[in-house]
Amino acid sequence: MQDHTSSRILRALAASPESEVSIATIMSVMGSRAHGIAMILFALPDAVPLPLPSLSTVLGMPLVLVAAHLVVAGENSGLPARVRAAKIPTRLLRFLARYLAPALEFLELITRQRLTGVLRHERLLGVVCLYLALVLLLPLPFVNFAPALCLFGLALGMVQRDGLLVLLSLGGTLLMTLTLGVAARWLADFIAGYFN
């Protein structure tokens, strides 16, 4: 278990007197595995079925940048300057800390280092994270939850070094992709039939 868990970081950030918290501030307290923790914080608002306003357009682009940087530079590199400058509203962090930190803390307790060989393919995992982040950016109603949940699972698995959680999240990503493909095919057939 890391000294700086995601739940502790979330609670510490929520206590900030500032109206916004930058990713650079997060990096100063979280230690290593910057990509994973950054993706957890950016994906979390869309990964839970709570009455939160959709922040995909605001948080989606930093997610894309973090994932793309993971693909190019790997997990042990720092985050790019544009991502470090990105800010998260403290009000949102307080909401997440109040309602979600206990659940996140529970997940951290039941996850552990296992099947770590899966995590050696960090750039391939970055490609999947990038794909999910791009899906989150699409202006499609009612589809944010699934990719955000898969991305959250991948990021938490990377942070906790839990290869099983990563594999489960990859399976969820495949299922989501197949579901979206079937839905897109049905919609295309429906539109084609309507105009014929």
Protein backbone atom coordinates (compact mmCIF):
# COMPACT_ATOMS: atom_id res chain seq x y z
CA MET A 1 0.00 0.00 0.00
CA GLN A 2 1.30 3.41 -0.89
CA ASP A 3 1.96 6.07 1.71
CA HIS A 4 -0.20 8.46 -0.30
CA THR A 5 -3.40 6.66 -1.20
CA SER A 6 -5.93 8.19 -3.55
CA SER A 7 -8.54 8.54 -0.79
CA ARG A 8 -6.13 10.39 1.52
CA ILE A 9 -5.06 12.65 -1.31
CA LEU A 10 -8.70 13.39 -2.15
CA ARG A 11 -9.48 14.33 1.46
CA ALA A 12 -6.37 16.50 1.72
CA LEU A 13 -7.21 18.35 -1.49
CA ALA A 14 -10.81 18.86 -0.41
CA ALA A 15 -9.55 20.70 2.67
CA SER A 16 -7.80 23.34 0.54
CA PRO A 17 -8.95 26.93 1.17
CA GLU A 18 -8.47 27.72 -2.53
CA SER A 19 -11.41 27.69 -4.95
CA GLU A 20 -9.48 25.47 -7.37
CA VAL A 21 -6.66 22.97 -7.00
CA SER A 22 -4.10 22.46 -9.76
CA ILE A 23 -2.69 19.11 -10.82
CA ALA A 24 0.75 20.49 -9.92
CA THR A 25 -0.46 20.79 -6.31
CA ILE A 26 -1.74 17.23 -6.44
CA MET A 27 1.64 16.02 -7.72
CA SER A 28 3.40 17.73 -4.81
CA VAL A 29 1.58 15.52 -2.29
CA MET A 30 0.97 12.27 -4.13
CA GLY A 31 4.48 11.05 -4.86
CA SER A 32 4.81 8.50 -7.67
CA ARG A 33 2.33 7.06 -10.18
CA ALA A 34 1.16 10.48 -11.28
CA HIS A 35 -0.72 9.25 -14.32
CA GLY A 36 -2.89 6.82 -12.38
CA ILE A 37 -3.89 9.23 -9.62
CA ALA A 38 -4.54 12.05 -12.10
CA MET A 39 -6.83 9.78 -14.12
CA ILE A 40 -8.65 8.67 -10.96
CA LEU A 41 -9.42 12.27 -10.04
CA PHE A 42 -10.47 13.28 -13.56
CA ALA A 43 -12.58 10.17 -14.20
CA LEU A 44 -14.25 9.92 -10.79
CA PRO A 45 -16.96 12.59 -11.34
CA ASP A 46 -18.34 10.65 -14.32
CA ALA A 47 -17.70 7.19 -12.85
CA VAL A 48 -20.45 7.34 -10.25
CA PRO A 49 -24.25 7.47 -10.78
CA LEU A 50 -24.73 10.56 -8.65
CA PRO A 51 -26.61 13.81 -9.50
CA LEU A 52 -23.45 15.64 -10.56
CA PRO A 53 -23.42 17.98 -13.54
CA SER A 54 -21.59 16.43 -16.48
CA LEU A 55 -18.00 17.58 -16.49
CA SER A 56 -16.84 15.47 -19.42
CA THR A 57 -16.09 18.47 -21.60
CA VAL A 58 -14.05 20.09 -18.80
CA LEU A 59 -12.23 17.02 -17.47
CA GLY A 60 -12.13 15.01 -20.69
CA MET A 61 -9.29 16.90 -22.36
CA PRO A 62 -6.89 16.57 -19.39
CA LEU A 63 -7.73 12.85 -19.35
CA VAL A 64 -6.79 12.62 -23.03
CA LEU A 65 -3.52 14.44 -22.38
CA VAL A 66 -2.62 12.26 -19.38
CA ALA A 67 -3.39 9.04 -21.27
CA ALA A 68 -1.53 10.19 -24.38
CA HIS A 69 1.49 11.11 -22.29
CA LEU A 70 1.39 7.67 -20.66
CA VAL A 71 1.46 6.08 -24.13
CA VAL A 72 4.43 8.19 -25.26
CA ALA A 73 6.53 8.53 -22.11
CA GLY A 74 5.53 5.66 -19.83
CA GLU A 75 4.40 5.58 -16.22
CA ASN A 76 7.60 6.72 -14.54
CA SER A 77 7.70 10.09 -16.31
CA GLY A 78 6.17 13.28 -14.97
CA LEU A 79 3.00 14.80 -16.34
CA PRO A 80 3.15 17.40 -19.15
CA ALA A 81 3.03 21.08 -18.21
CA ARG A 82 -0.44 21.60 -19.68
CA VAL A 83 -1.86 18.88 -17.46
CA ARG A 84 -0.01 20.16 -14.38
CA ALA A 85 -1.63 23.55 -14.96
CA ALA A 86 -5.16 22.09 -15.19
CA LYS A 87 -7.38 22.82 -12.19
CA ILE A 88 -10.21 20.99 -10.45
CA PRO A 89 -12.87 22.99 -8.53
CA THR A 90 -12.41 22.51 -4.80
CA ARG A 91 -16.20 22.37 -4.38
CA LEU A 92 -16.25 19.26 -6.57
CA LEU A 93 -13.38 17.72 -4.60
CA ARG A 94 -15.27 18.33 -1.34
CA PHE A 95 -18.35 16.65 -2.76
CA LEU A 96 -16.30 13.66 -3.90
CA ALA A 97 -14.42 13.47 -0.58
CA ARG A 98 -17.64 13.53 1.41
CA TYR A 99 -19.58 10.94 -0.55
CA LEU A 100 -16.98 8.85 -2.37
CA ALA A 101 -13.80 8.81 -0.28
CA PRO A 102 -15.16 6.03 2.01
CA ALA A 103 -15.96 3.84 -1.01
CA LEU A 104 -12.56 4.62 -2.53
CA GLU A 105 -10.90 3.76 0.76
CA PHE A 106 -12.74 0.41 0.80
CA LEU A 107 -11.55 -0.34 -2.74
CA GLU A 108 -7.99 0.45 -1.68
CA LEU A 109 -8.32 -2.05 1.17
CA ILE A 110 -9.55 -4.93 -1.00
CA THR A 111 -7.08 -4.32 -3.83
CA ARG A 112 -3.50 -5.48 -3.54
CA GLN A 113 -0.40 -6.25 -5.56
CA ARG A 114 -1.17 -9.26 -7.77
CA LEU A 115 -0.70 -10.30 -11.38
CA THR A 116 1.75 -7.43 -11.69
CA GLY A 117 3.04 -8.76 -15.01
CA VAL A 118 -0.02 -7.16 -16.62
CA LEU A 119 1.23 -3.76 -15.48
CA ARG A 120 4.50 -4.08 -17.39
CA HIS A 121 2.63 -3.20 -20.57
CA GLU A 122 2.01 0.35 -19.38
CA ARG A 123 2.01 1.92 -22.83
CA LEU A 124 -0.59 -0.55 -24.09
CA LEU A 125 -2.69 0.24 -21.03
CA GLY A 126 -2.20 3.88 -21.91
CA VAL A 127 -3.68 3.22 -25.36
CA VAL A 128 -6.81 1.76 -23.73
CA CYS A 129 -7.00 4.71 -21.33
CA LEU A 130 -6.67 7.09 -24.28
CA TYR A 131 -9.48 5.28 -26.11
CA LEU A 132 -11.75 5.54 -23.06
CA ALA A 133 -10.91 9.22 -22.57
CA LEU A 134 -11.80 9.93 -26.21
CA VAL A 135 -15.12 8.10 -25.79
CA LEU A 136 -15.82 10.33 -22.79
CA LEU A 137 -15.34 13.38 -25.01
CA LEU A 138 -17.99 12.24 -27.50
CA PRO A 139 -21.25 14.25 -27.23
CA LEU A 140 -23.33 11.12 -26.65
CA PRO A 141 -26.04 11.12 -23.96
CA PHE A 142 -26.06 8.50 -21.19
CA VAL A 143 -22.74 6.89 -22.18
CA ASN A 144 -20.30 8.63 -19.82
CA PHE A 145 -20.71 6.20 -16.93
CA ALA A 146 -19.34 3.04 -18.58
CA PRO A 147 -16.09 4.45 -20.05
CA ALA A 148 -15.45 6.52 -16.93
CA LEU A 149 -15.93 3.45 -14.70
CA CYS A 150 -13.57 1.37 -16.86
CA LEU A 151 -11.01 4.17 -16.87
CA PHE A 152 -11.31 4.57 -13.12
CA GLY A 153 -10.77 0.82 -12.65
CA LEU A 154 -7.69 0.85 -14.89
CA ALA A 155 -6.22 3.85 -13.08
CA LEU A 156 -6.88 2.43 -9.62
CA GLY A 157 -5.39 -0.90 -10.68
CA MET A 158 -2.27 0.90 -11.88
CA VAL A 159 -1.94 2.85 -8.64
CA GLN A 160 -2.57 -0.19 -6.42
CA ARG A 161 -0.47 -2.46 -8.69
CA ASP A 162 -3.48 -4.78 -8.94
CA GLY A 163 -3.30 -6.66 -12.23
CA LEU A 164 -6.60 -8.44 -11.57
CA LEU A 165 -8.47 -5.14 -11.35
CA VAL A 166 -6.76 -4.03 -14.55
CA LEU A 167 -7.85 -7.23 -16.31
CA LEU A 168 -11.44 -6.80 -15.08
CA SER A 169 -11.43 -3.21 -16.34
CA LEU A 170 -10.08 -4.34 -19.71
CA GLY A 171 -12.90 -6.89 -19.89
CA GLY A 172 -15.39 -4.14 -19.08
CA THR A 173 -13.88 -1.99 -21.82
CA LEU A 174 -14.31 -4.81 -24.34
CA LEU A 175 -17.92 -5.36 -23.28
CA MET A 176 -18.63 -1.63 -23.51
CA THR A 177 -17.08 -1.47 -26.98
CA LEU A 178 -19.17 -4.40 -28.22
CA THR A 179 -22.32 -2.83 -26.76
CA LEU A 180 -21.59 0.51 -28.42
CA GLY A 181 -20.91 -1.28 -31.70
CA VAL A 182 -24.24 -3.14 -31.56
CA ALA A 183 -26.07 0.07 -30.64
CA ALA A 184 -24.39 1.96 -33.49
CA ARG A 185 -25.28 -0.80 -35.95
CA TRP A 186 -28.90 -0.82 -34.79
CA LEU A 187 -29.12 2.95 -35.09
CA ALA A 188 -27.61 2.89 -38.58
CA ASP A 189 -30.06 0.20 -39.69
CA PHE A 190 -32.95 2.13 -38.15
CA ILE A 191 -32.00 5.35 -39.94
CA ALA A 192 -31.44 3.52 -43.21
CA GLY A 193 -34.83 1.81 -42.91
CA TYR A 194 -36.56 5.09 -42.07
CA PHE A 195 -35.33 6.83 -45.22
CA ASN A 196 -35.94 3.85 -47.52
